[in-house]
Amino acid sequence: MGPHWGIYRNGKLITPAIMAEEVANRMINLFKRDAKGWRPVNGNIRKFQEDPHWRDYLLFYEYFHGDTGAGLGASHQTGWTGLVANMIHEWRR
């Protein structure tokens, strides 16, 4: 019997539903505040992290920095990452 192909987490094969949940959680966490109150999606842009007039307005980016989660590319109030709002609704109720 050949090797088993698939996606593994902690040595166990995961289902597509678990994989979808993992992706959703990772996307949601980019927009959640950390212990400092900063959102990874806003990177080191202090205006978006700290200014009370900006900190609660979320921009949705084309893609994200692989290590920091900072939003990169064009930013919009719509777009494919706007689906994060739907993920929060579906995965957090």
C-alpha atoms as a PDB file:
ATOM      1  CA  MET A   1       0.000   0.000   0.000  1.00  0.00           C
ATOM      2  CA  GLY A   2       1.376   3.428  -0.992  1.00  0.00           C
ATOM      3  CA  PRO A   3       1.680   6.562   1.150  1.00  0.00           C
ATOM      4  CA  HIS A   4      -1.483   8.278   2.330  1.00  0.00           C
ATOM      5  CA  TRP A   5      -1.888  11.669   0.729  1.00  0.00           C
ATOM      6  CA  GLY A   6      -3.804  14.403   2.475  1.00  0.00           C
ATOM      7  CA  ILE A   7      -3.567  17.250   4.896  1.00  0.00           C
ATOM      8  CA  TYR A   8      -2.321  16.419   8.365  1.00  0.00           C
ATOM      9  CA  ARG A   9      -2.453  18.317  11.658  1.00  0.00           C
ATOM     10  CA  ASN A  10      -0.625  16.922  14.686  1.00  0.00           C
ATOM     11  CA  GLY A  11       0.000  13.728  12.752  1.00  0.00           C
ATOM     12  CA  LYS A  12      -3.693  13.102  12.057  1.00  0.00           C
ATOM     13  CA  LEU A  13      -5.422  13.296   8.701  1.00  0.00           C
ATOM     14  CA  ILE A  14      -8.002  16.084   8.732  1.00  0.00           C
ATOM     15  CA  THR A  15     -11.299  16.362   6.900  1.00  0.00           C
ATOM     16  CA  PRO A  16     -12.226  19.108   4.435  1.00  0.00           C
ATOM     17  CA  ALA A  17     -14.563  20.570   7.102  1.00  0.00           C
ATOM     18  CA  ILE A  18     -11.701  20.839   9.606  1.00  0.00           C
ATOM     19  CA  MET A  19      -9.489  22.353   6.919  1.00  0.00           C
ATOM     20  CA  ALA A  20     -12.187  24.946   6.107  1.00  0.00           C
ATOM     21  CA  GLU A  21     -12.512  25.797   9.796  1.00  0.00           C
ATOM     22  CA  GLU A  22      -8.730  26.228  10.091  1.00  0.00           C
ATOM     23  CA  VAL A  23      -8.592  28.582   7.094  1.00  0.00           C
ATOM     24  CA  ALA A  24     -11.578  30.559   8.418  1.00  0.00           C
ATOM     25  CA  ASN A  25      -9.993  30.897  11.876  1.00  0.00           C
ATOM     26  CA  ARG A  26      -6.698  32.073  10.399  1.00  0.00           C
ATOM     27  CA  MET A  27      -8.460  34.701   8.280  1.00  0.00           C
ATOM     28  CA  ILE A  28     -10.606  35.865  11.204  1.00  0.00           C
ATOM     29  CA  ASN A  29      -7.530  36.172  13.445  1.00  0.00           C
ATOM     30  CA  LEU A  30      -5.932  38.629  11.002  1.00  0.00           C
ATOM     31  CA  PHE A  31      -8.720  41.074  11.862  1.00  0.00           C
ATOM     32  CA  LYS A  32      -8.968  40.447  15.618  1.00  0.00           C
ATOM     33  CA  ARG A  33      -7.166  42.641  18.129  1.00  0.00           C
ATOM     34  CA  ASP A  34      -4.204  41.159  19.988  1.00  0.00           C
ATOM     35  CA  ALA A  35      -3.234  41.777  23.635  1.00  0.00           C
ATOM     36  CA  LYS A  36      -1.921  45.261  22.653  1.00  0.00           C
ATOM     37  CA  GLY A  37      -5.188  46.060  20.921  1.00  0.00           C
ATOM     38  CA  TRP A  38      -3.544  45.934  17.477  1.00  0.00           C
ATOM     39  CA  ARG A  39      -4.923  44.029  14.496  1.00  0.00           C
ATOM     40  CA  PRO A  40      -2.381  42.045  12.438  1.00  0.00           C
ATOM     41  CA  VAL A  41      -4.058  43.198   9.210  1.00  0.00           C
ATOM     42  CA  ASN A  42      -3.063  46.810   9.969  1.00  0.00           C
ATOM     43  CA  GLY A  43       0.636  45.986  10.286  1.00  0.00           C
ATOM     44  CA  ASN A  44       2.695  48.791  11.848  1.00  0.00           C
ATOM     45  CA  ILE A  45       0.481  51.622  10.621  1.00  0.00           C
ATOM     46  CA  ARG A  46      -0.078  53.480  13.891  1.00  0.00           C
ATOM     47  CA  LYS A  47      -2.938  55.580  12.514  1.00  0.00           C
ATOM     48  CA  PHE A  48      -4.962  52.440  11.754  1.00  0.00           C
ATOM     49  CA  GLN A  49      -3.907  50.749  15.005  1.00  0.00           C
ATOM     50  CA  GLU A  50      -4.343  53.580  17.517  1.00  0.00           C
ATOM     51  CA  ASP A  51      -6.278  56.545  16.118  1.00  0.00           C
ATOM     52  CA  PRO A  52      -9.880  56.380  17.454  1.00  0.00           C
ATOM     53  CA  HIS A  53     -11.111  57.785  14.131  1.00  0.00           C
ATOM     54  CA  TRP A  54      -9.496  54.949  12.143  1.00  0.00           C
ATOM     55  CA  ARG A  55      -8.931  51.925  14.369  1.00  0.00           C
ATOM     56  CA  ASP A  56     -12.410  50.432  13.988  1.00  0.00           C
ATOM     57  CA  TYR A  57     -12.625  50.798  10.199  1.00  0.00           C
ATOM     58  CA  LEU A  58     -11.409  47.651   8.519  1.00  0.00           C
ATOM     59  CA  LEU A  59      -9.872  47.542   5.074  1.00  0.00           C
ATOM     60  CA  PHE A  60      -9.859  44.333   3.072  1.00  0.00           C
ATOM     61  CA  TYR A  61      -6.647  43.669   1.178  1.00  0.00           C
ATOM     62  CA  GLU A  62      -5.733  41.653  -1.883  1.00  0.00           C
ATOM     63  CA  TYR A  63      -3.282  39.488   0.061  1.00  0.00           C
ATOM     64  CA  PHE A  64      -1.417  39.320   3.362  1.00  0.00           C
ATOM     65  CA  HIS A  65       2.177  39.134   4.600  1.00  0.00           C
ATOM     66  CA  GLY A  66       2.913  35.480   5.350  1.00  0.00           C
ATOM     67  CA  ASP A  67       4.707  36.152   8.641  1.00  0.00           C
ATOM     68  CA  THR A  68       2.937  39.173  10.120  1.00  0.00           C
ATOM     69  CA  GLY A  69      -0.529  39.018   8.568  1.00  0.00           C
ATOM     70  CA  ALA A  70      -0.294  42.670   7.503  1.00  0.00           C
ATOM     71  CA  GLY A  71      -2.567  43.531   4.597  1.00  0.00           C
ATOM     72  CA  LEU A  72      -0.767  44.083   1.286  1.00  0.00           C
ATOM     73  CA  GLY A  73      -1.763  45.198  -2.174  1.00  0.00           C
ATOM     74  CA  ALA A  74      -4.880  47.194  -2.921  1.00  0.00           C
ATOM     75  CA  SER A  75      -7.200  47.865   0.020  1.00  0.00           C
ATOM     76  CA  HIS A  76     -10.936  48.139  -0.308  1.00  0.00           C
ATOM     77  CA  GLN A  77     -14.074  48.125   1.778  1.00  0.00           C
ATOM     78  CA  THR A  78     -15.209  45.254  -0.442  1.00  0.00           C
ATOM     79  CA  GLY A  79     -13.504  42.427  -2.243  1.00  0.00           C
ATOM     80  CA  TRP A  80     -12.774  38.778  -1.672  1.00  0.00           C
ATOM     81  CA  THR A  81     -11.416  39.300   1.847  1.00  0.00           C
ATOM     82  CA  GLY A  82     -14.720  40.976   2.667  1.00  0.00           C
ATOM     83  CA  LEU A  83     -15.805  37.350   3.015  1.00  0.00           C
ATOM     84  CA  VAL A  84     -14.158  37.436   6.451  1.00  0.00           C
ATOM     85  CA  ALA A  85     -17.345  39.085   7.747  1.00  0.00           C
ATOM     86  CA  ASN A  86     -19.278  36.085   6.441  1.00  0.00           C
ATOM     87  CA  MET A  87     -16.751  33.696   8.041  1.00  0.00           C
ATOM     88  CA  ILE A  88     -17.174  35.423  11.398  1.00  0.00           C
ATOM     89  CA  HIS A  89     -20.935  35.087  11.073  1.00  0.00           C
ATOM     90  CA  GLU A  90     -20.786  31.408  10.074  1.00  0.00           C
ATOM     91  CA  TRP A  91     -17.979  30.181  12.335  1.00  0.00           C
ATOM     92  CA  ARG A  92     -18.617  32.289  15.441  1.00  0.00           C
ATOM     93  CA  ARG A  93     -22.335  31.884  16.078  1.00  0.00           C
END
